[in-house]
PDB file of N, CA and C in Angstrom:
ATOM      1  N   UNK A   1     135.283  79.029 119.220  1.00  0.00           N
ATOM      2  CA  UNK A   1     135.019  79.949 120.317  1.00  0.00           C
ATOM      3  C   UNK A   1     134.281  79.253 121.453  1.00  0.00           C
ATOM      4  N   UNK A   2     133.352  78.374 121.124  1.00  0.00           N
ATOM      5  CA  UNK A   2     132.605  77.664 122.157  1.00  0.00           C
ATOM      6  C   UNK A   2     133.508  76.803 123.014  1.00  0.00           C
ATOM      7  N   UNK A   3     134.474  76.162 122.377  1.00  0.00           N
ATOM      8  CA  UNK A   3     135.427  75.323 123.105  1.00  0.00           C
ATOM      9  C   UNK A   3     136.216  76.175 124.095  1.00  0.00           C
ATOM     10  N   UNK A   4     136.707  77.316 123.633  1.00  0.00           N
ATOM     11  CA  UNK A   4     137.482  78.181 124.522  1.00  0.00           C
ATOM     12  C   UNK A   4     136.633  78.711 125.677  1.00  0.00           C
ATOM     13  N   UNK A   5     135.369  79.003 125.428  1.00  0.00           N
ATOM     14  CA  UNK A   5     134.485  79.492 126.494  1.00  0.00           C
ATOM     15  C   UNK A   5     134.282  78.411 127.558  1.00  0.00           C
ATOM     16  N   UNK A   6     134.073  77.191 127.133  1.00  0.00           N
ATOM     17  CA  UNK A   6     133.885  76.097 128.090  1.00  0.00           C
ATOM     18  C   UNK A   6     135.167  75.859 128.876  1.00  0.00           C
ATOM     19  N   UNK A   7     136.307  75.909 128.192  1.00  0.00           N
ATOM     20  CA  UNK A   7     137.581  75.742 128.887  1.00  0.00           C
ATOM     21  C   UNK A   7     137.789  76.852 129.914  1.00  0.00           C
ATOM     22  N   UNK A   8     137.346  78.053 129.592  1.00  0.00           N
ATOM     23  CA  UNK A   8     137.438  79.156 130.554  1.00  0.00           C
ATOM     24  C   UNK A   8     136.575  78.874 131.779  1.00  0.00           C
ATOM     25  N   UNK A   9     135.382  78.325 131.565  1.00  0.00           N
ATOM     26  CA  UNK A   9     134.512  77.964 132.694  1.00  0.00           C
ATOM     27  C   UNK A   9     135.163  76.883 133.553  1.00  0.00           C
ATOM     28  N   UNK A  10     135.772  75.903 132.913  1.00  0.00           N
ATOM     29  CA  UNK A  10     136.452  74.834 133.660  1.00  0.00           C
ATOM     30  C   UNK A  10     137.594  75.429 134.472  1.00  0.00           C
ATOM     31  N   UNK A  11     138.340  76.343 133.879  1.00  0.00           N
ATOM     32  CA  UNK A  11     139.447  76.995 134.583  1.00  0.00           C
ATOM     33  C   UNK A  11     138.942  77.740 135.814  1.00  0.00           C
ATOM     34  N   UNK A  12     137.883  78.506 135.649  1.00  0.00           N
ATOM     35  CA  UNK A  12     137.317  79.265 136.773  1.00  0.00           C
ATOM     36  C   UNK A  12     136.796  78.315 137.851  1.00  0.00           C
ATOM     37  N   UNK A  13     136.065  77.289 137.436  1.00  0.00           N
ATOM     38  CA  UNK A  13     135.480  76.352 138.405  1.00  0.00           C
ATOM     39  C   UNK A  13     136.529  75.587 139.196  1.00  0.00           C
ATOM     40  N   UNK A  14     137.648  75.282 138.556  1.00  0.00           N
ATOM     41  CA  UNK A  14     138.662  74.466 139.234  1.00  0.00           C
ATOM     42  C   UNK A  14     139.786  75.287 139.863  1.00  0.00           C
ATOM     43  N   UNK A  15     139.745  76.596 139.708  1.00  0.00           N
ATOM     44  CA  UNK A  15     140.834  77.452 140.198  1.00  0.00           C
ATOM     45  C   UNK A  15     141.076  77.311 141.696  1.00  0.00           C
ATOM     46  N   UNK A  16     140.039  77.115 142.458  1.00  0.00           N
ATOM     47  CA  UNK A  16     140.192  77.033 143.913  1.00  0.00           C
ATOM     48  C   UNK A  16     140.059  75.597 144.436  1.00  0.00           C
ATOM     49  N   UNK A  17     140.011  74.654 143.506  1.00  0.00           N
ATOM     50  CA  UNK A  17     139.929  73.246 143.902  1.00  0.00           C
ATOM     51  C   UNK A  17     141.333  72.720 144.119  1.00  0.00           C
ATOM     52  N   UNK A  18     141.519  71.984 145.179  1.00  0.00           N
ATOM     53  CA  UNK A  18     142.828  71.403 145.457  1.00  0.00           C
ATOM     54  C   UNK A  18     142.726  69.884 145.430  1.00  0.00           C
ATOM     55  N   UNK A  19     143.291  69.243 144.390  1.00  0.00           N
ATOM     56  CA  UNK A  19     143.288  67.786 144.355  1.00  0.00           C
ATOM     57  C   UNK A  19     144.102  67.182 145.499  1.00  0.00           C
ATOM     58  N   UNK A  20     144.947  67.986 146.116  1.00  0.00           N
ATOM     59  CA  UNK A  20     145.757  67.503 147.235  1.00  0.00           C
ATOM     60  C   UNK A  20     144.988  67.572 148.545  1.00  0.00           C
ATOM     61  N   UNK A  21     144.366  68.715 148.811  1.00  0.00           N
ATOM     62  CA  UNK A  21     143.712  68.919 150.103  1.00  0.00           C
ATOM     63  C   UNK A  21     142.215  68.624 150.100  1.00  0.00           C
ATOM     64  N   UNK A  22     141.555  68.779 148.954  1.00  0.00           N
ATOM     65  CA  UNK A  22     140.118  68.505 148.838  1.00  0.00           C
ATOM     66  C   UNK A  22     139.849  67.748 147.536  1.00  0.00           C
ATOM     67  N   UNK A  23     140.411  66.563 147.411  1.00  0.00           N
ATOM     68  CA  UNK A  23     140.369  65.870 146.119  1.00  0.00           C
ATOM     69  C   UNK A  23     138.969  65.419 145.692  1.00  0.00           C
ATOM     70  N   UNK A  24     138.070  65.225 146.633  1.00  0.00           N
ATOM     71  CA  UNK A  24     136.781  64.622 146.288  1.00  0.00           C
ATOM     72  C   UNK A  24     135.620  65.609 146.413  1.00  0.00           C
ATOM     73  N   UNK A  25     135.838  66.809 145.900  1.00  0.00           N
ATOM     74  CA  UNK A  25     134.830  67.867 145.920  1.00  0.00           C
ATOM     75  C   UNK A  25     133.732  67.510 144.912  1.00  0.00           C
ATOM     76  N   UNK A  26     132.578  67.154 145.424  1.00  0.00           N
ATOM     77  CA  UNK A  26     131.481  66.698 144.570  1.00  0.00           C
ATOM     78  C   UNK A  26     130.960  67.807 143.652  1.00  0.00           C
ATOM     79  N   UNK A  27     130.988  69.054 144.108  1.00  0.00           N
ATOM     80  CA  UNK A  27     130.548  70.162 143.250  1.00  0.00           C
ATOM     81  C   UNK A  27     131.441  70.281 142.018  1.00  0.00           C
ATOM     82  N   UNK A  28     132.733  70.125 142.220  1.00  0.00           N
ATOM     83  CA  UNK A  28     133.676  70.166 141.099  1.00  0.00           C
ATOM     84  C   UNK A  28     133.395  69.007 140.144  1.00  0.00           C
ATOM     85  N   UNK A  29     133.151  67.839 140.698  1.00  0.00           N
ATOM     86  CA  UNK A  29     132.870  66.666 139.859  1.00  0.00           C
ATOM     87  C   UNK A  29     131.634  66.885 138.993  1.00  0.00           C
ATOM     88  N   UNK A  30     130.588  67.432 139.581  1.00  0.00           N
ATOM     89  CA  UNK A  30     129.348  67.672 138.836  1.00  0.00           C
ATOM     90  C   UNK A  30     129.585  68.695 137.728  1.00  0.00           C
ATOM     91  N   UNK A  31     130.294  69.764 138.049  1.00  0.00           N
ATOM     92  CA  UNK A  31     130.573  70.795 137.039  1.00  0.00           C
ATOM     93  C   UNK A  31     131.442  70.244 135.915  1.00  0.00           C
ATOM     94  N   UNK A  32     132.487  69.499 136.280  1.00  0.00           N
ATOM     95  CA  UNK A  32     133.368  68.927 135.253  1.00  0.00           C
ATOM     96  C   UNK A  32     132.618  67.958 134.345  1.00  0.00           C
ATOM     97  N   UNK A  33     131.769  67.143 134.927  1.00  0.00           N
ATOM     98  CA  UNK A  33     130.996  66.187 134.129  1.00  0.00           C
ATOM     99  C   UNK A  33     130.098  66.922 133.140  1.00  0.00           C
ATOM    100  N   UNK A  34     129.422  67.954 133.612  1.00  0.00           N
ATOM    101  CA  UNK A  34     128.534  68.732 132.753  1.00  0.00           C
ATOM    102  C   UNK A  34     129.313  69.458 131.662  1.00  0.00           C
ATOM    103  N   UNK A  35     130.408  70.086 132.047  1.00  0.00           N
ATOM    104  CA  UNK A  35     131.201  70.837 131.077  1.00  0.00           C
ATOM    105  C   UNK A  35     131.876  69.910 130.071  1.00  0.00           C
ATOM    106  N   UNK A  36     132.203  68.703 130.479  1.00  0.00           N
ATOM    107  CA  UNK A  36     132.796  67.730 129.556  1.00  0.00           C
ATOM    108  C   UNK A  36     131.802  67.354 128.466  1.00  0.00           C
ATOM    109  N   UNK A  37     130.565  67.135 128.859  1.00  0.00           N
ATOM    110  CA  UNK A  37     129.523  66.816 127.863  1.00  0.00           C
ATOM    111  C   UNK A  37     129.309  67.999 126.923  1.00  0.00           C
ATOM    112  N   UNK A  38     129.281  69.192 127.489  1.00  0.00           N
ATOM    113  CA  UNK A  38     129.103  70.401 126.692  1.00  0.00           C
ATOM    114  C   UNK A  38     130.282  70.598 125.734  1.00  0.00           C
ATOM    115  N   UNK A  39     131.471  70.376 126.228  1.00  0.00           N
ATOM    116  CA  UNK A  39     132.676  70.513 125.419  1.00  0.00           C
ATOM    117  C   UNK A  39     132.624  69.582 124.220  1.00  0.00           C
ATOM    118  N   UNK A  40     132.248  68.361 124.458  1.00  0.00           N
ATOM    119  CA  UNK A  40     132.194  67.367 123.396  1.00  0.00           C
ATOM    120  C   UNK A  40     131.214  67.776 122.297  1.00  0.00           C
ATOM    121  N   UNK A  41     130.121  68.422 122.666  1.00  0.00           N
ATOM    122  CA  UNK A  41     129.114  68.812 121.673  1.00  0.00           C
ATOM    123  C   UNK A  41     129.556  70.010 120.830  1.00  0.00           C
ATOM    124  N   UNK A  42     130.547  70.750 121.273  1.00  0.00           N
ATOM    125  CA  UNK A  42     130.976  71.959 120.575  1.00  0.00           C
ATOM    126  C   UNK A  42     131.754  71.693 119.292  1.00  0.00           C
ATOM    127  N   UNK A  43     132.299  70.527 119.134  1.00  0.00           N
ATOM    128  CA  UNK A  43     133.184  70.268 117.997  1.00  0.00           C
ATOM    129  C   UNK A  43     132.484  69.605 116.818  1.00  0.00           C
ATOM    130  N   UNK A  44     131.183  69.500 116.866  1.00  0.00           N
ATOM    131  CA  UNK A  44     130.458  68.762 115.830  1.00  0.00           C
ATOM    132  C   UNK A  44     130.769  69.236 114.409  1.00  0.00           C
ATOM    133  N   UNK A  45     130.904  70.531 114.200  1.00  0.00           N
ATOM    134  CA  UNK A  45     131.133  71.044 112.857  1.00  0.00           C
ATOM    135  C   UNK A  45     132.596  71.266 112.501  1.00  0.00           C
ATOM    136  N   UNK A  46     133.487  70.904 113.394  1.00  0.00           N
ATOM    137  CA  UNK A  46     134.921  71.149 113.168  1.00  0.00           C
ATOM    138  C   UNK A  46     135.533  70.039 112.305  1.00  0.00           C
ATOM    139  N   UNK A  47     136.764  70.281 111.859  1.00  0.00           N
ATOM    140  CA  UNK A  47     137.455  69.254 111.082  1.00  0.00           C
ATOM    141  C   UNK A  47     137.898  68.108 112.004  1.00  0.00           C
ATOM    142  N   UNK A  48     138.292  67.015 111.411  1.00  0.00           N
ATOM    143  CA  UNK A  48     138.573  65.793 112.161  1.00  0.00           C
ATOM    144  C   UNK A  48     139.633  65.956 113.253  1.00  0.00           C
ATOM    145  N   UNK A  49     140.781  66.587 113.005  1.00  0.00           N
ATOM    146  CA  UNK A  49     141.768  66.724 114.078  1.00  0.00           C
ATOM    147  C   UNK A  49     141.228  67.503 115.289  1.00  0.00           C
ATOM    148  N   UNK A  50     140.437  68.523 115.026  1.00  0.00           N
ATOM    149  CA  UNK A  50     139.851  69.303 116.125  1.00  0.00           C
ATOM    150  C   UNK A  50     138.832  68.459 116.877  1.00  0.00           C
ATOM    151  N   UNK A  51     137.971  67.761 116.158  1.00  0.00           N
ATOM    152  CA  UNK A  51     136.970  66.897 116.820  1.00  0.00           C
ATOM    153  C   UNK A  51     137.654  65.861 117.696  1.00  0.00           C
ATOM    154  N   UNK A  52     138.725  65.269 117.185  1.00  0.00           N
ATOM    155  CA  UNK A  52     139.444  64.253 117.980  1.00  0.00           C
ATOM    156  C   UNK A  52     140.062  64.862 119.233  1.00  0.00           C
ATOM    157  N   UNK A  53     140.684  66.017 119.089  1.00  0.00           N
ATOM    158  CA  UNK A  53     141.330  66.666 120.236  1.00  0.00           C
ATOM    159  C   UNK A  53     140.300  67.097 121.269  1.00  0.00           C
ATOM    160  N   UNK A  54     139.170  67.631 120.811  1.00  0.00           N
ATOM    161  CA  UNK A  54     138.112  68.035 121.739  1.00  0.00           C
ATOM    162  C   UNK A  54     137.534  66.803 122.430  1.00  0.00           C
ATOM    163  N   UNK A  55     137.293  65.742 121.679  1.00  0.00           N
ATOM    164  CA  UNK A  55     136.747  64.521 122.268  1.00  0.00           C
ATOM    165  C   UNK A  55     137.698  63.931 123.311  1.00  0.00           C
ATOM    166  N   UNK A  56     138.986  63.929 123.010  1.00  0.00           N
ATOM    167  CA  UNK A  56     139.969  63.397 123.965  1.00  0.00           C
ATOM    168  C   UNK A  56     140.000  64.233 125.234  1.00  0.00           C
ATOM    169  N   UNK A  57     139.904  65.543 125.081  1.00  0.00           N
ATOM    170  CA  UNK A  57     139.924  66.427 126.245  1.00  0.00           C
ATOM    171  C   UNK A  57     138.648  66.271 127.052  1.00  0.00           C
ATOM    172  N   UNK A  58     137.513  66.205 126.381  1.00  0.00           N
ATOM    173  CA  UNK A  58     136.247  66.018 127.077  1.00  0.00           C
ATOM    174  C   UNK A  58     136.244  64.691 127.839  1.00  0.00           C
ATOM    175  N   UNK A  59     136.738  63.648 127.207  1.00  0.00           N
ATOM    176  CA  UNK A  59     136.812  62.340 127.857  1.00  0.00           C
ATOM    177  C   UNK A  59     137.728  62.399 129.073  1.00  0.00           C
ATOM    178  N   UNK A  60     138.846  63.073 128.931  1.00  0.00           N
ATOM    179  CA  UNK A  60     139.800  63.176 130.042  1.00  0.00           C
ATOM    180  C   UNK A  60     139.214  63.961 131.216  1.00  0.00           C
ATOM    181  N   UNK A  61     138.556  65.090 130.933  1.00  0.00           N
ATOM    182  CA  UNK A  61     137.928  65.853 132.012  1.00  0.00           C
ATOM    183  C   UNK A  61     136.793  65.054 132.647  1.00  0.00           C
ATOM    184  N   UNK A  62     136.063  64.300 131.837  1.00  0.00           N
ATOM    185  CA  UNK A  62     135.033  63.410 132.373  1.00  0.00           C
ATOM    186  C   UNK A  62     135.636  62.353 133.276  1.00  0.00           C
ATOM    187  N   UNK A  63     136.829  61.880 132.925  1.00  0.00           N
ATOM    188  CA  UNK A  63     137.527  60.905 133.771  1.00  0.00           C
ATOM    189  C   UNK A  63     137.912  61.490 135.117  1.00  0.00           C
ATOM    190  N   UNK A  64     138.268  62.775 135.123  1.00  0.00           N
ATOM    191  CA  UNK A  64     138.569  63.443 136.397  1.00  0.00           C
ATOM    192  C   UNK A  64     137.305  63.483 137.244  1.00  0.00           C
ATOM    193  N   UNK A  65     136.187  63.869 136.635  1.00  0.00           N
ATOM    194  CA  UNK A  65     134.915  63.915 137.363  1.00  0.00           C
ATOM    195  C   UNK A  65     134.553  62.535 137.923  1.00  0.00           C
ATOM    196  N   UNK A  66     134.714  61.505 137.107  1.00  0.00           N
ATOM    197  CA  UNK A  66     134.408  60.144 137.559  1.00  0.00           C
ATOM    198  C   UNK A  66     135.293  59.722 138.728  1.00  0.00           C
ATOM    199  N   UNK A  67     136.570  60.057 138.648  1.00  0.00           N
ATOM    200  CA  UNK A  67     137.506  59.684 139.717  1.00  0.00           C
ATOM    201  C   UNK A  67     137.181  60.424 141.011  1.00  0.00           C
ATOM    202  N   UNK A  68     136.766  61.677 140.899  1.00  0.00           N
ATOM    203  CA  UNK A  68     136.365  62.424 142.098  1.00  0.00           C
ATOM    204  C   UNK A  68     135.155  61.747 142.727  1.00  0.00           C
ATOM    205  N   UNK A  69     134.170  61.424 141.910  1.00  0.00           N
ATOM    206  CA  UNK A  69     132.955  60.785 142.424  1.00  0.00           C
ATOM    207  C   UNK A  69     133.258  59.428 143.051  1.00  0.00           C
ATOM    208  N   UNK A  70     134.216  58.708 142.480  1.00  0.00           N
ATOM    209  CA  UNK A  70     134.563  57.381 142.994  1.00  0.00           C
ATOM    210  C   UNK A  70     135.421  57.450 144.256  1.00  0.00           C
ATOM    211  N   UNK A  71     135.954  58.636 144.533  1.00  0.00           N
ATOM    212  CA  UNK A  71     136.817  58.850 145.704  1.00  0.00           C
ATOM    213  C   UNK A  71     138.021  57.912 145.717  1.00  0.00           C
ATOM    214  N   UNK A  72     138.652  57.813 144.546  1.00  0.00           N
ATOM    215  CA  UNK A  72     139.843  56.978 144.379  1.00  0.00           C
ATOM    216  C   UNK A  72     141.025  57.874 144.049  1.00  0.00           C
ATOM    217  N   UNK A  73     141.895  58.110 145.036  1.00  0.00           N
ATOM    218  CA  UNK A  73     143.000  59.053 144.872  1.00  0.00           C
ATOM    219  C   UNK A  73     143.940  58.650 143.730  1.00  0.00           C
ATOM    220  N   UNK A  74     144.329  57.377 143.640  1.00  0.00           N
ATOM    221  CA  UNK A  74     145.250  56.951 142.575  1.00  0.00           C
ATOM    222  C   UNK A  74     144.610  57.116 141.205  1.00  0.00           C
ATOM    223  N   UNK A  75     143.332  56.830 141.108  1.00  0.00           N
ATOM    224  CA  UNK A  75     142.608  56.999 139.851  1.00  0.00           C
ATOM    225  C   UNK A  75     142.494  58.489 139.497  1.00  0.00           C
ATOM    226  N   UNK A  76     142.304  59.319 140.503  1.00  0.00           N
ATOM    227  CA  UNK A  76     142.214  60.757 140.280  1.00  0.00           C
ATOM    228  C   UNK A  76     143.526  61.301 139.715  1.00  0.00           C
ATOM    229  N   UNK A  77     144.635  60.879 140.282  1.00  0.00           N
ATOM    230  CA  UNK A  77     145.926  61.370 139.784  1.00  0.00           C
ATOM    231  C   UNK A  77     146.153  60.957 138.339  1.00  0.00           C
ATOM    232  N   UNK A  78     145.810  59.729 137.999  1.00  0.00           N
ATOM    233  CA  UNK A  78     145.950  59.288 136.601  1.00  0.00           C
ATOM    234  C   UNK A  78     145.044  60.105 135.684  1.00  0.00           C
ATOM    235  N   UNK A  79     143.836  60.381 136.152  1.00  0.00           N
ATOM    236  CA  UNK A  79     142.885  61.155 135.346  1.00  0.00           C
ATOM    237  C   UNK A  79     143.372  62.595 135.150  1.00  0.00           C
ATOM    238  N   UNK A  80     143.922  63.183 136.195  1.00  0.00           N
ATOM    239  CA  UNK A  80     144.467  64.536 136.075  1.00  0.00           C
ATOM    240  C   UNK A  80     145.618  64.551 135.080  1.00  0.00           C
ATOM    241  N   UNK A  81     146.491  63.571 135.167  1.00  0.00           N
ATOM    242  CA  UNK A  81     147.605  63.482 134.217  1.00  0.00           C
ATOM    243  C   UNK A  81     147.090  63.343 132.783  1.00  0.00           C
ATOM    244  N   UNK A  82     146.080  62.501 132.601  1.00  0.00           N
ATOM    245  CA  UNK A  82     145.500  62.312 131.266  1.00  0.00           C
ATOM    246  C   UNK A  82     144.855  63.599 130.770  1.00  0.00           C
ATOM    247  N   UNK A  83     144.221  64.345 131.673  1.00  0.00           N
ATOM    248  CA  UNK A  83     143.573  65.594 131.251  1.00  0.00           C
ATOM    249  C   UNK A  83     144.616  66.629 130.834  1.00  0.00           C
ATOM    250  N   UNK A  84     145.734  66.654 131.513  1.00  0.00           N
ATOM    251  CA  UNK A  84     146.808  67.594 131.129  1.00  0.00           C
ATOM    252  C   UNK A  84     147.351  67.256 129.742  1.00  0.00           C
ATOM    253  N   UNK A  85     147.546  65.984 129.497  1.00  0.00           N
ATOM    254  CA  UNK A  85     148.044  65.538 128.194  1.00  0.00           C
ATOM    255  C   UNK A  85     147.046  65.875 127.090  1.00  0.00           C
ATOM    256  N   UNK A  86     145.778  65.559 127.328  1.00  0.00           N
ATOM    257  CA  UNK A  86     144.748  65.827 126.325  1.00  0.00           C
ATOM    258  C   UNK A  86     144.603  67.322 126.075  1.00  0.00           C
ATOM    259  N   UNK A  87     144.608  68.104 127.136  1.00  0.00           N
ATOM    260  CA  UNK A  87     144.465  69.553 126.988  1.00  0.00           C
ATOM    261  C   UNK A  87     145.647  70.147 126.233  1.00  0.00           C
ATOM    262  N   UNK A  88     146.836  69.646 126.480  1.00  0.00           N
ATOM    263  CA  UNK A  88     148.014  70.114 125.732  1.00  0.00           C
ATOM    264  C   UNK A  88     147.838  69.848 124.244  1.00  0.00           C
ATOM    265  N   UNK A  89     147.337  68.673 123.913  1.00  0.00           N
ATOM    266  CA  UNK A  89     147.080  68.342 122.510  1.00  0.00           C
ATOM    267  C   UNK A  89     146.017  69.237 121.903  1.00  0.00           C
ATOM    268  N   UNK A  90     144.987  69.535 122.672  1.00  0.00           N
ATOM    269  CA  UNK A  90     143.924  70.417 122.196  1.00  0.00           C
ATOM    270  C   UNK A  90     144.459  71.820 121.920  1.00  0.00           C
ATOM    271  N   UNK A  91     145.300  72.312 122.814  1.00  0.00           N
ATOM    272  CA  UNK A  91     145.867  73.644 122.630  1.00  0.00           C
ATOM    273  C   UNK A  91     146.685  73.721 121.342  1.00  0.00           C
ATOM    274  N   UNK A  92     147.399  72.661 121.027  1.00  0.00           N
ATOM    275  CA  UNK A  92     148.197  72.642 119.796  1.00  0.00           C
ATOM    276  C   UNK A  92     147.287  72.642 118.572  1.00  0.00           C
ATOM    277  N   UNK A  93     146.310  71.737 118.555  1.00  0.00           N
ATOM    278  CA  UNK A  93     145.433  71.607 117.403  1.00  0.00           C
ATOM    279  C   UNK A  93     144.600  72.866 117.184  1.00  0.00           C
ATOM    280  N   UNK A  94     144.103  73.451 118.263  1.00  0.00           N
ATOM    281  CA  UNK A  94     143.231  74.636 118.152  1.00  0.00           C
ATOM    282  C   UNK A  94     143.988  75.946 118.238  1.00  0.00           C
ATOM    283  N   UNK A  95     145.294  75.861 118.377  1.00  0.00           N
ATOM    284  CA  UNK A  95     146.147  77.055 118.508  1.00  0.00           C
ATOM    285  C   UNK A  95     145.668  77.969 119.619  1.00  0.00           C
ATOM    286  N   UNK A  96     145.436  77.352 120.798  1.00  0.00           N
ATOM    287  CA  UNK A  96     145.010  78.086 121.986  1.00  0.00           C
ATOM    288  C   UNK A  96     146.257  78.479 122.751  1.00  0.00           C
ATOM    289  N   UNK A  97     146.336  79.740 123.100  1.00  0.00           N
ATOM    290  CA  UNK A  97     147.463  80.247 123.877  1.00  0.00           C
ATOM    291  C   UNK A  97     146.926  80.814 125.187  1.00  0.00           C
ATOM    292  N   UNK A  98     147.601  80.475 126.291  1.00  0.00           N
ATOM    293  CA  UNK A  98     147.184  81.098 127.553  1.00  0.00           C
ATOM    294  C   UNK A  98     148.315  81.824 128.157  1.00  0.00           C
TER     295      UNK A  98
END
């Protein structure tokens, strides 16, 4: 449940962010970095596949935050792609449906 709550916060925080028109929004970067750390801590008691999927997703979202802070458009696109892949894997492992 904690993982889903954090993912909901990330969804709300990024809903109005445009990687195309405002790719280097520092507020988004700060929120993503914080939520990534929080996300990673939520899986401590879960089984190994869930911990791995949560860790991969947290790392990927952290990579998006880092790329925003670095103001590197090509790096940001790669990070966004990685976050989509990781999140898809997390949804499968945790049976999250949206």
